[in-house]
Amino acid sequence: MIQLARILGFIGIIASAVAPLPILGASYLKLPAKGYLAGEAISTTVDSGLAKYYLENSLSRTAVNSELDRRIRDIEQRFKKRPLDWLTLREISAETTPDFATLFFIKQSLSDSRNARLQKAYRQEVHRIDAATRRTTRAVAARSELRKYKLIFVPGFHYLSDQSSGADFYNQRQLFRQLGLSIELAATQEDGTIEENAAIIAGVVRSESRSSTPLILISASKGGPETALALGKMLEPSETRSVKAWLSVGGLIEAIRA
């Protein structure tokens, strides 16, 4: 699942955020697999023969194993009309494996033409930036429209004491600085409670909103439920008008329902 998420970019970020966690004590394979997914050729490892077949054959519309095809069709028929949420994915994962559930999620997501267009646009933009940075400086590669936004990064657990985890968004913040964008790291408590950090995030949003600068929030891990609590319950709707987008990377948003 991690390999797939890393390769697929935008849709992979979503998959890593909602795909079910592996069952405790379960042991999974690491089978080499190649195929096309979300418009990209990928070479990765998957955790079962069924997931390997799903990637290499079923997802590319070629059928070579009637027994596996029937099993996949049965799973798709039973689950395709269910909400595409963590409960559905957990059930599919328990019946198959986490990688199969992740592939199912990606396929079902991209069956919506709006998601497919967004994924295509994302892929084109990544390729454009890559080509631009090869030709010139990174600052030129950023679209001028992005410069009107301020990016607020909400870090994850122990982002100060364990900088090797990437929870502090250090590499991303460096990149965006090189692109000439305005950024800020929300100074949450690295091991604080969701409620404590949500109050800090709400304060940052209130402060930044006074300048009327449009904001994009990017959170990781436990920063997800903290941001959700801040935006959904602690801030009034009028206080969130400056927030134009929020990207949650691996945040367990369901946790705020408890």
Protein backbone atom coordinates (compact mmCIF):
# COMPACT_ATOMS: atom_id res chain seq x y z
CA MET A 1 0.00 0.00 0.00
CA ILE A 2 2.84 2.40 0.82
CA GLN A 3 4.58 1.62 -2.46
CA LEU A 4 1.41 2.22 -4.45
CA ALA A 5 0.73 5.48 -2.65
CA ARG A 6 4.24 6.74 -3.30
CA ILE A 7 4.07 6.01 -7.01
CA LEU A 8 0.58 7.28 -7.76
CA GLY A 9 1.01 10.81 -6.46
CA PHE A 10 -2.27 12.65 -5.88
CA ILE A 11 -4.63 9.68 -5.95
CA GLY A 12 -2.06 7.76 -3.90
CA ILE A 13 -2.16 10.39 -1.19
CA ILE A 14 -5.89 9.88 -0.91
CA ALA A 15 -5.49 6.12 -0.90
CA SER A 16 -2.90 6.20 1.85
CA ALA A 17 -5.23 8.36 3.91
CA VAL A 18 -8.30 6.17 3.67
CA ALA A 19 -7.03 2.65 2.97
CA PRO A 20 -7.44 0.27 5.92
CA LEU A 21 -4.62 -0.41 8.30
CA PRO A 22 -3.14 -3.91 8.08
CA ILE A 23 -4.71 -6.38 10.48
CA LEU A 24 -2.59 -6.83 13.59
CA GLY A 25 -0.56 -10.01 13.44
CA ALA A 26 -1.26 -10.55 9.74
CA SER A 27 1.59 -11.47 7.43
CA TYR A 28 1.58 -10.26 3.83
CA LEU A 29 3.63 -11.12 0.77
CA LYS A 30 5.76 -8.74 -1.29
CA LEU A 31 5.17 -9.83 -4.86
CA PRO A 32 6.71 -7.85 -7.75
CA ALA A 33 4.00 -6.39 -9.99
CA LYS A 34 3.88 -4.16 -13.06
CA GLY A 35 0.91 -2.50 -14.67
CA TYR A 36 -0.89 0.73 -15.50
CA LEU A 37 -2.84 2.60 -12.88
CA ALA A 38 -4.25 6.13 -12.83
CA GLY A 39 -2.68 6.68 -16.24
CA GLU A 40 0.83 5.77 -15.12
CA ALA A 41 3.04 2.75 -15.66
CA ILE A 42 4.12 1.43 -12.27
CA SER A 43 6.53 -1.21 -11.01
CA THR A 44 6.03 -2.04 -7.36
CA THR A 45 5.29 -4.84 -4.90
CA VAL A 46 1.87 -5.99 -3.70
CA ASP A 47 0.78 -8.16 -0.81
CA SER A 48 -1.08 -11.00 -2.54
CA GLY A 49 -1.50 -12.91 -5.77
CA LEU A 50 -5.01 -11.51 -6.11
CA ALA A 51 -3.76 -7.92 -5.81
CA LYS A 52 -1.00 -8.69 -8.35
CA TYR A 53 -3.56 -10.03 -10.84
CA TYR A 54 -5.88 -7.09 -10.16
CA LEU A 55 -3.10 -4.65 -11.03
CA GLU A 56 -1.55 -6.49 -13.94
CA ASN A 57 -4.72 -7.75 -15.63
CA SER A 58 -8.10 -6.74 -14.29
CA LEU A 59 -7.32 -3.03 -14.03
CA SER A 60 -5.99 -2.95 -17.60
CA ARG A 61 -9.09 -4.77 -18.93
CA THR A 62 -7.27 -7.92 -20.02
CA ALA A 63 -8.57 -11.21 -18.66
CA VAL A 64 -6.37 -14.31 -18.50
CA ASN A 65 -7.60 -16.19 -15.43
CA SER A 66 -11.32 -16.85 -15.37
CA GLU A 67 -11.39 -17.97 -11.72
CA LEU A 68 -9.67 -14.80 -10.46
CA ASP A 69 -11.78 -12.69 -12.82
CA ARG A 70 -14.96 -14.14 -11.34
CA ARG A 71 -13.76 -13.48 -7.80
CA ILE A 72 -12.87 -9.88 -8.64
CA ARG A 73 -16.19 -9.29 -10.41
CA ASP A 74 -18.02 -10.68 -7.38
CA ILE A 75 -16.16 -8.31 -5.02
CA GLU A 76 -16.76 -5.33 -7.29
CA GLN A 77 -20.46 -6.10 -7.67
CA ARG A 78 -20.95 -6.46 -3.92
CA PHE A 79 -19.04 -3.34 -2.93
CA LYS A 80 -19.21 -0.85 -5.79
CA LYS A 81 -22.49 0.69 -4.59
CA ARG A 82 -21.35 0.90 -0.98
CA PRO A 83 -19.94 4.20 0.38
CA LEU A 84 -16.26 4.40 -0.49
CA ASP A 85 -15.23 4.90 3.13
CA TRP A 86 -12.92 3.24 5.62
CA LEU A 87 -15.60 0.77 6.75
CA THR A 88 -16.05 -0.56 3.23
CA LEU A 89 -12.30 -0.69 2.65
CA ARG A 90 -11.74 -2.46 5.96
CA GLU A 91 -14.26 -5.12 4.97
CA ILE A 92 -12.65 -5.61 1.56
CA SER A 93 -9.22 -5.72 3.17
CA ALA A 94 -10.34 -8.39 5.63
CA GLU A 95 -11.73 -10.48 2.78
CA THR A 96 -8.67 -9.95 0.56
CA THR A 97 -5.61 -7.83 1.53
CA PRO A 98 -4.85 -4.12 2.12
CA ASP A 99 -3.26 -3.71 -1.33
CA PHE A 100 -6.30 -5.17 -3.06
CA ALA A 101 -8.53 -2.78 -1.09
CA THR A 102 -6.28 0.13 -2.10
CA LEU A 103 -6.47 -0.86 -5.77
CA PHE A 104 -10.25 -1.17 -5.49
CA PHE A 105 -10.41 2.31 -3.96
CA ILE A 106 -8.32 3.82 -6.77
CA LYS A 107 -10.31 2.09 -9.50
CA GLN A 108 -13.65 3.11 -8.03
CA SER A 109 -12.45 6.68 -7.43
CA LEU A 110 -11.33 7.07 -11.03
CA SER A 111 -14.60 5.65 -12.35
CA ASP A 112 -16.01 9.08 -11.47
CA SER A 113 -15.19 11.31 -14.45
CA ARG A 114 -14.56 14.30 -12.17
CA ASN A 115 -11.90 12.41 -10.24
CA ALA A 116 -10.39 11.12 -13.48
CA ARG A 117 -10.11 14.68 -14.83
CA LEU A 118 -8.54 15.88 -11.59
CA GLN A 119 -6.01 13.03 -11.61
CA LYS A 120 -5.13 13.78 -15.24
CA ALA A 121 -4.68 17.48 -14.49
CA TYR A 122 -2.53 16.65 -11.47
CA ARG A 123 -0.32 14.34 -13.52
CA GLN A 124 0.07 16.94 -16.27
CA GLU A 125 1.00 19.61 -13.73
CA VAL A 126 3.64 17.38 -12.11
CA HIS A 127 5.16 16.70 -15.52
CA ARG A 128 5.07 20.41 -16.36
CA ILE A 129 6.87 21.36 -13.14
CA ASP A 130 9.45 18.61 -13.64
CA ALA A 131 10.17 19.79 -17.19
CA ALA A 132 10.30 23.43 -16.12
CA THR A 133 12.78 22.77 -13.31
CA ARG A 134 15.03 20.94 -15.74
CA ARG A 135 15.06 23.95 -18.05
CA THR A 136 15.23 26.82 -15.58
CA THR A 137 15.02 27.72 -11.87
CA ARG A 138 12.37 26.32 -9.54
CA ALA A 139 11.00 29.80 -8.86
CA VAL A 140 9.95 30.10 -12.51
CA ALA A 141 8.25 26.69 -12.39
CA ALA A 142 5.57 27.85 -9.93
CA ARG A 143 2.40 29.19 -11.51
CA SER A 144 1.77 32.85 -10.73
CA GLU A 145 -1.72 31.99 -9.40
CA LEU A 146 -0.14 30.14 -6.46
CA ARG A 147 1.61 33.25 -5.22
CA LYS A 148 -1.64 34.77 -3.96
CA TYR A 149 -2.02 31.94 -1.42
CA LYS A 150 -0.28 31.36 1.88
CA LEU A 151 0.44 27.73 2.77
CA ILE A 152 0.00 26.71 6.41
CA PHE A 153 1.64 23.38 7.29
CA VAL A 154 0.23 21.49 10.30
CA PRO A 155 2.86 18.97 11.49
CA GLY A 156 2.47 15.48 12.88
CA PHE A 157 3.49 13.62 16.04
CA HIS A 158 6.96 14.38 17.50
CA TYR A 159 7.83 16.63 14.57
CA LEU A 160 10.43 18.44 16.68
CA SER A 161 12.17 15.55 18.46
CA ASP A 162 12.13 13.14 15.48
CA GLN A 163 12.79 15.12 12.34
CA SER A 164 13.64 11.96 10.41
CA SER A 165 9.93 11.09 10.12
CA GLY A 166 9.13 14.00 7.82
CA ALA A 167 6.29 15.06 10.11
CA ASP A 168 7.67 18.61 10.11
CA PHE A 169 7.26 18.98 6.31
CA TYR A 170 10.87 20.23 6.15
CA ASN A 171 11.54 19.12 2.56
CA GLN A 172 8.18 20.39 1.33
CA ARG A 173 8.65 23.74 3.05
CA GLN A 174 12.10 24.12 1.53
CA LEU A 175 10.72 23.33 -1.92
CA PHE A 176 7.89 25.82 -1.67
CA ARG A 177 10.27 28.50 -0.42
CA GLN A 178 12.41 27.87 -3.51
CA LEU A 179 9.25 28.22 -5.59
CA GLY A 180 8.79 31.67 -4.06
CA LEU A 181 5.62 30.84 -2.13
CA SER A 182 4.57 32.18 1.25
CA ILE A 183 4.51 29.44 3.90
CA GLU A 184 4.19 28.98 7.65
CA LEU A 185 4.54 26.02 10.01
CA ALA A 186 1.82 25.94 12.67
CA ALA A 187 3.68 25.64 15.98
CA THR A 188 1.54 22.93 17.55
CA GLN A 189 2.64 20.87 20.55
CA GLU A 190 4.40 17.82 19.16
CA ASP A 191 2.77 15.48 21.69
CA GLY A 192 -0.21 17.65 22.61
CA THR A 193 -3.82 16.50 22.61
CA ILE A 194 -6.04 16.94 19.57
CA GLU A 195 -8.04 19.59 21.43
CA GLU A 196 -4.96 21.56 22.50
CA ASN A 197 -3.48 21.62 19.02
CA ALA A 198 -6.83 22.33 17.37
CA ALA A 199 -7.01 25.51 19.50
CA ILE A 200 -3.53 26.50 18.28
CA ILE A 201 -4.49 25.88 14.64
CA ALA A 202 -7.71 27.87 15.09
CA GLY A 203 -5.64 30.75 16.45
CA VAL A 204 -3.31 30.63 13.44
CA VAL A 205 -6.23 30.68 11.01
CA ARG A 206 -7.86 33.61 12.85
CA SER A 207 -4.62 35.56 12.83
CA GLU A 208 -3.86 34.91 9.17
CA SER A 209 -7.45 35.65 8.13
CA ARG A 210 -7.17 39.25 9.30
CA SER A 211 -5.01 40.04 6.27
CA SER A 212 -7.60 38.47 3.91
CA THR A 213 -4.84 36.38 2.30
CA PRO A 214 -6.33 33.14 0.93
CA LEU A 215 -4.98 30.13 2.82
CA ILE A 216 -4.21 26.52 1.94
CA LEU A 217 -3.81 24.17 4.92
CA ILE A 218 -1.66 21.04 4.64
CA SER A 219 -1.71 18.60 7.55
CA ALA A 220 -0.03 15.26 8.24
CA SER A 221 -0.89 12.34 10.49
CA LYS A 222 -2.49 13.50 13.75
CA GLY A 223 -2.48 17.03 12.37
CA GLY A 224 -5.48 15.86 10.32
CA PRO A 225 -8.01 15.44 13.13
CA GLU A 226 -6.57 18.53 14.83
CA THR A 227 -7.22 20.59 11.71
CA ALA A 228 -10.66 19.04 11.24
CA LEU A 229 -11.63 19.95 14.80
CA ALA A 230 -10.34 23.50 14.38
CA LEU A 231 -12.14 24.09 11.08
CA GLY A 232 -15.29 22.14 11.87
CA LYS A 233 -16.03 23.07 15.49
CA MET A 234 -13.73 25.69 16.98
CA LEU A 235 -13.94 28.29 14.23
CA GLU A 236 -17.09 30.06 13.10
CA PRO A 237 -17.91 29.82 9.38
CA SER A 238 -17.03 33.50 8.99
CA GLU A 239 -13.57 32.77 10.42
CA THR A 240 -12.80 30.12 7.83
CA ARG A 241 -13.64 32.10 4.69
CA SER A 242 -9.97 32.68 3.96
CA VAL A 243 -9.32 28.90 3.91
CA LYS A 244 -9.61 27.93 0.25
CA ALA A 245 -8.30 24.36 0.49
CA TRP A 246 -7.14 21.76 3.00
CA LEU A 247 -5.02 18.73 2.13
CA SER A 248 -4.85 15.98 4.77
CA VAL A 249 -2.03 13.46 4.32
CA GLY A 250 -2.66 10.26 6.25
CA GLY A 251 -4.87 11.91 8.84
CA LEU A 252 -7.38 9.67 10.67
CA ILE A 253 -10.26 12.10 10.42
CA GLU A 254 -12.78 9.62 11.85
CA ALA A 255 -11.04 10.04 15.21
CA ILE A 256 -12.79 13.37 15.85
CA ARG A 257 -16.19 11.68 15.99
CA ALA A 258 -15.42 10.00 19.28
